[in-house]
Structure formats: structure tokens, C-alpha cells
């Protein structure tokens, strides 16, 4: 029973994409949420006896990934907070040289 109240349809935005939503991820550096297309995905790879962080530019590499804005500020925050080992669930130090090289080449 409406008791004299008019019900109007709610104007909702039309969803985009196959499921209707754009994937949203959190940057491990600044902790801000952004669309996954704006973030750089990073995965762990074993290089001999050393654990290396590898940028996943296609967002297709297998395994657990961490997301990061491709800016030095976010990379430095993530390093200082030790966010990569926690997000990727790995123990020990990680080699970030590939990540520093990629972000340096994008900045310059």
C-alpha cells in the first residue's frame, strides 16, 4: 500500500564492462584505491637464490600480486613501510632494482 506516496524509478548509472564494474585495487604505497588499469602490478620471481620483484605490465603473470601507483612517492612509501613482503606473503628481503628501473624510465 502506497498511502498517496509516488514512487519514481531511481536513475542509476549504466554499468560498464562484462560484469558491470571496473576492478579496483589498493596501492601498497599510498594505500589509496584506484582502478587496476591505473596501477602497476608486481609479482615475485626467483632469480637463483634471490627473490626479485618483477613488474607485470600485462596484469597476467601467475601468482599473488601487489599493486602500486607508478610513482616514486608510492614506491618509497611501500619500501619504508615494508609493504611488499607483507602483501606478497614472502619472507626476507626483496630485490627492487627492476621496479626502480621501470619507474625511473617512466618518469624521465
C-alpha atoms as a PDB file:
ATOM      1  CA  UNK A   1       0.000   0.000   0.000  1.00  0.00           C
ATOM      2  CA  UNK A   2       1.490   3.353  -1.030  1.00  0.00           C
ATOM      3  CA  UNK A   3      -0.696   5.756   1.032  1.00  0.00           C
ATOM      4  CA  UNK A   4      -0.523   8.504  -1.571  1.00  0.00           C
ATOM      5  CA  UNK A   5       3.284   8.368  -1.990  1.00  0.00           C
ATOM      6  CA  UNK A   6       4.516   8.428  -5.573  1.00  0.00           C
ATOM      7  CA  UNK A   7       7.329   6.018  -6.325  1.00  0.00           C
ATOM      8  CA  UNK A   8       9.658   7.037  -9.123  1.00  0.00           C
ATOM      9  CA  UNK A   9      12.366   4.877 -10.646  1.00  0.00           C
ATOM     10  CA  UNK A  10      15.855   5.620  -9.390  1.00  0.00           C
ATOM     11  CA  UNK A  11      18.206   6.968 -12.048  1.00  0.00           C
ATOM     12  CA  UNK A  12      21.249   4.688 -11.768  1.00  0.00           C
ATOM     13  CA  UNK A  13      24.351   4.839 -13.955  1.00  0.00           C
ATOM     14  CA  UNK A  14      24.707   2.104 -16.525  1.00  0.00           C
ATOM     15  CA  UNK A  15      27.454  -0.356 -15.503  1.00  0.00           C
ATOM     16  CA  UNK A  16      30.391  -0.832 -17.859  1.00  0.00           C
ATOM     17  CA  UNK A  17      32.345  -3.970 -18.637  1.00  0.00           C
ATOM     18  CA  UNK A  18      31.332  -7.594 -18.699  1.00  0.00           C
ATOM     19  CA  UNK A  19      30.387  -7.773 -15.033  1.00  0.00           C
ATOM     20  CA  UNK A  20      29.434  -4.161 -14.739  1.00  0.00           C
ATOM     21  CA  UNK A  21      32.348  -2.946 -12.643  1.00  0.00           C
ATOM     22  CA  UNK A  22      35.912  -1.813 -13.162  1.00  0.00           C
ATOM     23  CA  UNK A  23      38.288  -3.714 -10.848  1.00  0.00           C
ATOM     24  CA  UNK A  24      39.549  -1.509  -8.026  1.00  0.00           C
ATOM     25  CA  UNK A  25      42.803  -2.240  -6.177  1.00  0.00           C
ATOM     26  CA  UNK A  26      44.692  -0.570  -3.331  1.00  0.00           C
ATOM     27  CA  UNK A  27      48.196   0.839  -3.808  1.00  0.00           C
ATOM     28  CA  UNK A  28      50.593  -0.755  -1.310  1.00  0.00           C
ATOM     29  CA  UNK A  29      52.460   2.557  -1.052  1.00  0.00           C
ATOM     30  CA  UNK A  30      49.932   5.327  -0.501  1.00  0.00           C
ATOM     31  CA  UNK A  31      47.019   2.988   0.397  1.00  0.00           C
ATOM     32  CA  UNK A  32      44.652   4.811  -1.997  1.00  0.00           C
ATOM     33  CA  UNK A  33      42.180   2.851  -4.087  1.00  0.00           C
ATOM     34  CA  UNK A  34      42.337   3.204  -7.871  1.00  0.00           C
ATOM     35  CA  UNK A  35      41.244   1.347 -10.957  1.00  0.00           C
ATOM     36  CA  UNK A  36      43.564  -1.582 -11.597  1.00  0.00           C
ATOM     37  CA  UNK A  37      44.371  -0.166 -15.028  1.00  0.00           C
ATOM     38  CA  UNK A  38      45.990   2.864 -13.345  1.00  0.00           C
ATOM     39  CA  UNK A  39      48.191   0.721 -11.098  1.00  0.00           C
ATOM     40  CA  UNK A  40      51.314  -1.310 -11.756  1.00  0.00           C
ATOM     41  CA  UNK A  41      51.040  -4.976 -10.756  1.00  0.00           C
ATOM     42  CA  UNK A  42      54.127  -6.511  -9.183  1.00  0.00           C
ATOM     43  CA  UNK A  43      54.797 -10.242  -8.668  1.00  0.00           C
ATOM     44  CA  UNK A  44      57.587 -12.268  -7.089  1.00  0.00           C
ATOM     45  CA  UNK A  45      60.071 -14.254  -9.167  1.00  0.00           C
ATOM     46  CA  UNK A  46      63.009 -16.381  -8.049  1.00  0.00           C
ATOM     47  CA  UNK A  47      66.337 -15.420  -9.590  1.00  0.00           C
ATOM     48  CA  UNK A  48      68.631 -18.175  -8.399  1.00  0.00           C
ATOM     49  CA  UNK A  49      68.720 -17.886  -4.619  1.00  0.00           C
ATOM     50  CA  UNK A  50      67.439 -14.289  -4.646  1.00  0.00           C
ATOM     51  CA  UNK A  51      63.783 -13.196  -4.536  1.00  0.00           C
ATOM     52  CA  UNK A  52      63.091 -10.447  -7.089  1.00  0.00           C
ATOM     53  CA  UNK A  53      60.084  -8.205  -7.628  1.00  0.00           C
ATOM     54  CA  UNK A  54      59.063  -8.198 -11.281  1.00  0.00           C
ATOM     55  CA  UNK A  55      56.670  -5.662 -12.826  1.00  0.00           C
ATOM     56  CA  UNK A  56      53.727  -7.385 -14.504  1.00  0.00           C
ATOM     57  CA  UNK A  57      52.866  -4.916 -17.262  1.00  0.00           C
ATOM     58  CA  UNK A  58      50.179  -7.114 -18.832  1.00  0.00           C
ATOM     59  CA  UNK A  59      48.484  -7.986 -15.488  1.00  0.00           C
ATOM     60  CA  UNK A  60      48.637 -11.659 -16.484  1.00  0.00           C
ATOM     61  CA  UNK A  61      51.542 -13.232 -14.573  1.00  0.00           C
ATOM     62  CA  UNK A  62      50.609 -16.135 -12.327  1.00  0.00           C
ATOM     63  CA  UNK A  63      50.761 -15.864  -8.587  1.00  0.00           C
ATOM     64  CA  UNK A  64      49.946 -13.334  -5.958  1.00  0.00           C
ATOM     65  CA  UNK A  65      50.362  -9.726  -6.986  1.00  0.00           C
ATOM     66  CA  UNK A  66      50.674  -6.353  -5.304  1.00  0.00           C
ATOM     67  CA  UNK A  67      49.542  -3.109  -6.904  1.00  0.00           C
ATOM     68  CA  UNK A  68      51.381   0.191  -6.902  1.00  0.00           C
ATOM     69  CA  UNK A  69      50.957   3.616  -8.499  1.00  0.00           C
ATOM     70  CA  UNK A  70      53.882   4.004 -10.936  1.00  0.00           C
ATOM     71  CA  UNK A  71      55.354   6.947  -8.995  1.00  0.00           C
ATOM     72  CA  UNK A  72      58.484   7.240  -6.872  1.00  0.00           C
ATOM     73  CA  UNK A  73      56.487   8.556  -3.924  1.00  0.00           C
ATOM     74  CA  UNK A  74      54.403   5.389  -3.727  1.00  0.00           C
ATOM     75  CA  UNK A  75      57.431   3.139  -4.275  1.00  0.00           C
ATOM     76  CA  UNK A  76      59.347   4.866  -1.478  1.00  0.00           C
ATOM     77  CA  UNK A  77      56.364   4.641   0.878  1.00  0.00           C
ATOM     78  CA  UNK A  78      55.964   0.941   0.120  1.00  0.00           C
ATOM     79  CA  UNK A  79      59.673   0.323   0.770  1.00  0.00           C
ATOM     80  CA  UNK A  80      59.646   2.291   4.007  1.00  0.00           C
ATOM     81  CA  UNK A  81      56.532   0.506   5.266  1.00  0.00           C
ATOM     82  CA  UNK A  82      57.876  -2.914   4.142  1.00  0.00           C
ATOM     83  CA  UNK A  83      54.624  -3.420   2.285  1.00  0.00           C
ATOM     84  CA  UNK A  84      55.844  -5.739  -0.491  1.00  0.00           C
ATOM     85  CA  UNK A  85      56.785  -8.752   1.676  1.00  0.00           C
ATOM     86  CA  UNK A  86      53.540  -8.389   3.619  1.00  0.00           C
ATOM     87  CA  UNK A  87      51.311  -8.015   0.530  1.00  0.00           C
ATOM     88  CA  UNK A  88      53.031 -10.802  -1.384  1.00  0.00           C
ATOM     89  CA  UNK A  89      53.385 -13.052   1.683  1.00  0.00           C
ATOM     90  CA  UNK A  90      57.113 -13.650   1.308  1.00  0.00           C
ATOM     91  CA  UNK A  91      59.742 -13.637   3.996  1.00  0.00           C
ATOM     92  CA  UNK A  92      63.074 -11.925   3.658  1.00  0.00           C
ATOM     93  CA  UNK A  93      64.405  -9.017   1.664  1.00  0.00           C
ATOM     94  CA  UNK A  94      63.267  -8.385  -1.903  1.00  0.00           C
ATOM     95  CA  UNK A  95      65.290  -7.020  -4.794  1.00  0.00           C
ATOM     96  CA  UNK A  96      63.559  -3.880  -6.134  1.00  0.00           C
ATOM     97  CA  UNK A  97      66.052  -2.901  -8.882  1.00  0.00           C
ATOM     98  CA  UNK A  98      63.712  -3.839 -11.774  1.00  0.00           C
ATOM     99  CA  UNK A  99      60.942  -1.803 -10.202  1.00  0.00           C
ATOM    100  CA  UNK A 100      63.203   1.216  -9.650  1.00  0.00           C
ATOM    101  CA  UNK A 101      64.420   0.990 -13.259  1.00  0.00           C
ATOM    102  CA  UNK A 102      60.886   0.849 -14.665  1.00  0.00           C
ATOM    103  CA  UNK A 103      59.552   3.749 -12.608  1.00  0.00           C
ATOM    104  CA  UNK A 104      62.714   5.765 -13.359  1.00  0.00           C
ATOM    105  CA  UNK A 105      62.307   5.224 -17.094  1.00  0.00           C
ATOM    106  CA  UNK A 106      58.646   6.279 -16.967  1.00  0.00           C
ATOM    107  CA  UNK A 107      59.483   9.430 -15.013  1.00  0.00           C
ATOM    108  CA  UNK A 108      62.287  10.528 -17.306  1.00  0.00           C
END
